[in-house]
Amino acid sequence: MDAYIAILAALGFGVLLSGGFMALSWFVSFMQGQNQPDPIKYTTYECGIPPKVNARQRYTVGFYLIALTFLIFDVETALLYPWANSFHKLARELGAPILWTMLVFTALLVVALIYMWKEGVLDWARRARTQGK
C-alpha cells in the first residue's frame, strides 16, 4: 500500500506543480495586459518567416500512410531493442516461447511491409508523378 501512496503523492505533486505554473503564467500575462485579442497574435508564425500558404491545407492520403508506416516500425524498434537486450535473462526464465512470440511479431511486421510495398505505399516517386497531374 505504501508504494501506491508514493505514486499518488508524485501524481498529486505533478498536477499541483503544473497547475501552479499555468496559474502563474495566466496571472503574469493578466497583470501585463496581454490577454487582449489581437489579429497579429492569432496569425501563424513559424521560425520568423511569415506563412505563404494556409495552415489548414489538405494533405494527401499518402502523407498519412507514410506517417502510419513510420509509427508502426518505430514502435517495433521501441519493443525489439529492450527485448534483445534482455533476451538471455528472459530465455532462461521463460524458455523458447519468448523467442517464438518475437518471431511471430516480427513476421507479422514483415508481412505488413511486403503488403505496403506491393500496394505502392513506399513508392514516393510514383505518388509525386500522379499528384502533379
C-alpha atoms as a PDB file:
ATOM      1  CA  MET A   1       0.000   0.000   0.000  1.00  0.00           C
ATOM      2  CA  ASP A   2       2.954   2.338   0.660  1.00  0.00           C
ATOM      3  CA  ALA A   3       4.011   2.115  -2.983  1.00  0.00           C
ATOM      4  CA  TYR A   4       0.584   3.339  -4.100  1.00  0.00           C
ATOM      5  CA  ILE A   5       0.737   6.255  -1.691  1.00  0.00           C
ATOM      6  CA  ALA A   6       4.103   7.274  -3.145  1.00  0.00           C
ATOM      7  CA  ILE A   7       2.707   7.083  -6.685  1.00  0.00           C
ATOM      8  CA  LEU A   8      -0.354   9.122  -5.720  1.00  0.00           C
ATOM      9  CA  ALA A   9       1.839  11.680  -3.960  1.00  0.00           C
ATOM     10  CA  ALA A  10       4.054  12.035  -7.047  1.00  0.00           C
ATOM     11  CA  LEU A  11       0.982  12.332  -9.281  1.00  0.00           C
ATOM     12  CA  GLY A  12      -0.563  14.936  -6.993  1.00  0.00           C
ATOM     13  CA  PHE A  13       2.683  16.877  -6.851  1.00  0.00           C
ATOM     14  CA  GLY A  14       2.892  16.867 -10.654  1.00  0.00           C
ATOM     15  CA  VAL A  15      -0.695  18.063 -11.027  1.00  0.00           C
ATOM     16  CA  LEU A  16      -0.246  20.803  -8.437  1.00  0.00           C
ATOM     17  CA  LEU A  17       3.054  21.923  -9.927  1.00  0.00           C
ATOM     18  CA  SER A  18       1.742  22.102 -13.499  1.00  0.00           C
ATOM     19  CA  GLY A  19      -1.470  23.793 -12.361  1.00  0.00           C
ATOM     20  CA  GLY A  20       0.543  26.277 -10.339  1.00  0.00           C
ATOM     21  CA  PHE A  21       2.717  27.130 -13.337  1.00  0.00           C
ATOM     22  CA  MET A  22      -0.353  27.580 -15.536  1.00  0.00           C
ATOM     23  CA  ALA A  23      -1.967  29.853 -12.942  1.00  0.00           C
ATOM     24  CA  LEU A  24       1.269  31.830 -12.565  1.00  0.00           C
ATOM     25  CA  SER A  25       1.523  32.239 -16.350  1.00  0.00           C
ATOM     26  CA  TRP A  26      -2.075  33.453 -16.541  1.00  0.00           C
ATOM     27  CA  PHE A  27      -1.518  35.854 -13.643  1.00  0.00           C
ATOM     28  CA  VAL A  28       1.642  37.358 -15.149  1.00  0.00           C
ATOM     29  CA  SER A  29       0.058  37.808 -18.585  1.00  0.00           C
ATOM     30  CA  PHE A  30      -3.069  39.298 -16.967  1.00  0.00           C
ATOM     31  CA  MET A  31      -1.012  41.806 -14.975  1.00  0.00           C
ATOM     32  CA  GLN A  32       0.825  42.862 -18.126  1.00  0.00           C
ATOM     33  CA  GLY A  33      -2.436  43.308 -20.038  1.00  0.00           C
ATOM     34  CA  GLN A  34      -1.580  40.698 -22.660  1.00  0.00           C
ATOM     35  CA  ASN A  35      -4.963  38.980 -22.644  1.00  0.00           C
ATOM     36  CA  GLN A  36      -6.343  41.344 -25.272  1.00  0.00           C
ATOM     37  CA  PRO A  37      -7.263  39.621 -28.561  1.00  0.00           C
ATOM     38  CA  ASP A  38      -5.188  40.886 -31.456  1.00  0.00           C
ATOM     39  CA  PRO A  39      -5.283  39.775 -35.116  1.00  0.00           C
ATOM     40  CA  ILE A  40      -1.488  39.626 -35.207  1.00  0.00           C
ATOM     41  CA  LYS A  41      -1.472  37.467 -32.089  1.00  0.00           C
ATOM     42  CA  TYR A  42      -3.579  34.793 -33.789  1.00  0.00           C
ATOM     43  CA  THR A  43      -1.581  34.555 -37.033  1.00  0.00           C
ATOM     44  CA  THR A  44       0.549  31.527 -37.762  1.00  0.00           C
ATOM     45  CA  TYR A  45       4.214  32.238 -37.118  1.00  0.00           C
ATOM     46  CA  GLU A  46       6.959  29.733 -37.553  1.00  0.00           C
ATOM     47  CA  CYS A  47      10.708  30.320 -37.299  1.00  0.00           C
ATOM     48  CA  GLY A  48      10.407  34.026 -38.025  1.00  0.00           C
ATOM     49  CA  ILE A  49       9.036  33.505 -41.525  1.00  0.00           C
ATOM     50  CA  PRO A  50       5.509  34.621 -42.376  1.00  0.00           C
ATOM     51  CA  PRO A  51       3.394  31.750 -43.771  1.00  0.00           C
ATOM     52  CA  LYS A  52       2.942  31.508 -47.543  1.00  0.00           C
ATOM     53  CA  VAL A  53       0.035  29.049 -47.544  1.00  0.00           C
ATOM     54  CA  ASN A  54      -2.986  28.438 -45.344  1.00  0.00           C
ATOM     55  CA  ALA A  55      -2.258  26.264 -42.310  1.00  0.00           C
ATOM     56  CA  ARG A  56      -5.492  24.354 -42.925  1.00  0.00           C
ATOM     57  CA  GLN A  57      -4.462  22.977 -46.304  1.00  0.00           C
ATOM     58  CA  ARG A  58      -5.385  19.402 -47.153  1.00  0.00           C
ATOM     59  CA  TYR A  59      -2.871  16.607 -47.109  1.00  0.00           C
ATOM     60  CA  THR A  60      -2.991  13.589 -49.348  1.00  0.00           C
ATOM     61  CA  VAL A  61      -3.708  10.136 -48.004  1.00  0.00           C
ATOM     62  CA  GLY A  62      -0.126   9.190 -48.867  1.00  0.00           C
ATOM     63  CA  PHE A  63       1.142  11.522 -46.161  1.00  0.00           C
ATOM     64  CA  TYR A  64      -0.904   9.679 -43.545  1.00  0.00           C
ATOM     65  CA  LEU A  65       0.158   6.284 -44.907  1.00  0.00           C
ATOM     66  CA  ILE A  66       3.812   7.212 -44.600  1.00  0.00           C
ATOM     67  CA  ALA A  67       3.223   8.583 -41.093  1.00  0.00           C
ATOM     68  CA  LEU A  68       1.436   5.392 -40.046  1.00  0.00           C
ATOM     69  CA  THR A  69       4.171   3.232 -41.574  1.00  0.00           C
ATOM     70  CA  PHE A  70       6.794   5.174 -39.656  1.00  0.00           C
ATOM     71  CA  LEU A  71       4.806   4.793 -36.453  1.00  0.00           C
ATOM     72  CA  ILE A  72       4.440   1.030 -36.881  1.00  0.00           C
ATOM     73  CA  PHE A  73       8.135   0.434 -37.445  1.00  0.00           C
ATOM     74  CA  ASP A  74       9.121   2.935 -34.779  1.00  0.00           C
ATOM     75  CA  VAL A  75       7.052   1.004 -32.239  1.00  0.00           C
ATOM     76  CA  GLU A  76       8.656  -2.214 -33.462  1.00  0.00           C
ATOM     77  CA  THR A  77      12.088  -0.761 -32.758  1.00  0.00           C
ATOM     78  CA  ALA A  78      10.976   0.503 -29.367  1.00  0.00           C
ATOM     79  CA  LEU A  79       9.804  -3.004 -28.468  1.00  0.00           C
ATOM     80  CA  LEU A  80      12.550  -5.001 -30.163  1.00  0.00           C
ATOM     81  CA  TYR A  81      15.560  -3.206 -28.680  1.00  0.00           C
ATOM     82  CA  PRO A  82      14.763  -3.761 -24.965  1.00  0.00           C
ATOM     83  CA  TRP A  83      13.664  -7.307 -25.748  1.00  0.00           C
ATOM     84  CA  ALA A  84      17.013  -8.039 -27.445  1.00  0.00           C
ATOM     85  CA  ASN A  85      18.930  -6.573 -24.508  1.00  0.00           C
ATOM     86  CA  SER A  86      17.190  -8.816 -22.006  1.00  0.00           C
ATOM     87  CA  PHE A  87      16.816 -11.894 -24.213  1.00  0.00           C
ATOM     88  CA  HIS A  88      19.286 -14.112 -22.333  1.00  0.00           C
ATOM     89  CA  LYS A  89      17.621 -13.480 -18.996  1.00  0.00           C
ATOM     90  CA  LEU A  90      14.138 -13.953 -20.471  1.00  0.00           C
ATOM     91  CA  ALA A  91      15.192 -17.147 -22.283  1.00  0.00           C
ATOM     92  CA  ARG A  92      16.469 -18.661 -19.035  1.00  0.00           C
ATOM     93  CA  GLU A  93      13.263 -17.794 -17.172  1.00  0.00           C
ATOM     94  CA  LEU A  94      10.604 -18.391 -19.831  1.00  0.00           C
ATOM     95  CA  GLY A  95      12.269 -20.692 -22.329  1.00  0.00           C
ATOM     96  CA  ALA A  96      11.562 -20.938 -26.058  1.00  0.00           C
ATOM     97  CA  PRO A  97       8.111 -19.253 -26.096  1.00  0.00           C
ATOM     98  CA  ILE A  98       9.732 -15.846 -25.628  1.00  0.00           C
ATOM     99  CA  LEU A  99      11.679 -16.351 -28.864  1.00  0.00           C
ATOM    100  CA  TRP A 100       8.653 -17.600 -30.778  1.00  0.00           C
ATOM    101  CA  THR A 101       6.464 -14.693 -29.743  1.00  0.00           C
ATOM    102  CA  MET A 102       9.019 -12.193 -31.015  1.00  0.00           C
ATOM    103  CA  LEU A 103       9.478 -14.168 -34.233  1.00  0.00           C
ATOM    104  CA  VAL A 104       5.711 -14.103 -34.817  1.00  0.00           C
ATOM    105  CA  PHE A 105       5.632 -10.361 -34.065  1.00  0.00           C
ATOM    106  CA  THR A 106       8.477  -9.696 -36.489  1.00  0.00           C
ATOM    107  CA  ALA A 107       6.947 -11.957 -39.147  1.00  0.00           C
ATOM    108  CA  LEU A 108       3.663 -10.035 -38.949  1.00  0.00           C
ATOM    109  CA  LEU A 109       5.523  -6.788 -39.436  1.00  0.00           C
ATOM    110  CA  VAL A 110       7.433  -8.218 -42.407  1.00  0.00           C
ATOM    111  CA  VAL A 111       4.117  -9.305 -43.951  1.00  0.00           C
ATOM    112  CA  ALA A 112       2.773  -5.782 -43.376  1.00  0.00           C
ATOM    113  CA  LEU A 113       5.876  -4.290 -45.011  1.00  0.00           C
ATOM    114  CA  ILE A 114       5.510  -6.568 -48.049  1.00  0.00           C
ATOM    115  CA  TYR A 115       1.833  -5.631 -48.339  1.00  0.00           C
ATOM    116  CA  MET A 116       2.633  -1.920 -48.172  1.00  0.00           C
ATOM    117  CA  TRP A 117       5.365  -2.369 -50.754  1.00  0.00           C
ATOM    118  CA  LYS A 118       3.035  -4.183 -53.158  1.00  0.00           C
ATOM    119  CA  GLU A 119       0.309  -1.539 -52.666  1.00  0.00           C
ATOM    120  CA  GLY A 120       2.797   1.200 -53.562  1.00  0.00           C
ATOM    121  CA  VAL A 121       2.757   2.991 -50.235  1.00  0.00           C
ATOM    122  CA  LEU A 122       6.546   3.242 -50.273  1.00  0.00           C
ATOM    123  CA  ASP A 123       6.810   4.392 -53.916  1.00  0.00           C
ATOM    124  CA  TRP A 124       7.205   8.123 -53.345  1.00  0.00           C
ATOM    125  CA  ALA A 125       8.343   8.931 -56.880  1.00  0.00           C
ATOM    126  CA  ARG A 126       5.216   7.394 -58.451  1.00  0.00           C
ATOM    127  CA  ARG A 127       2.979   9.213 -55.986  1.00  0.00           C
ATOM    128  CA  ALA A 128       4.688  12.538 -56.770  1.00  0.00           C
ATOM    129  CA  ARG A 129       4.163  11.966 -60.522  1.00  0.00           C
ATOM    130  CA  THR A 130       0.473  11.133 -60.112  1.00  0.00           C
ATOM    131  CA  GLN A 131      -0.200  14.065 -57.783  1.00  0.00           C
ATOM    132  CA  GLY A 132       1.444  16.516 -60.142  1.00  0.00           C
ATOM    133  CA  LYS A 133      -1.057  15.728 -62.921  1.00  0.00           C
END
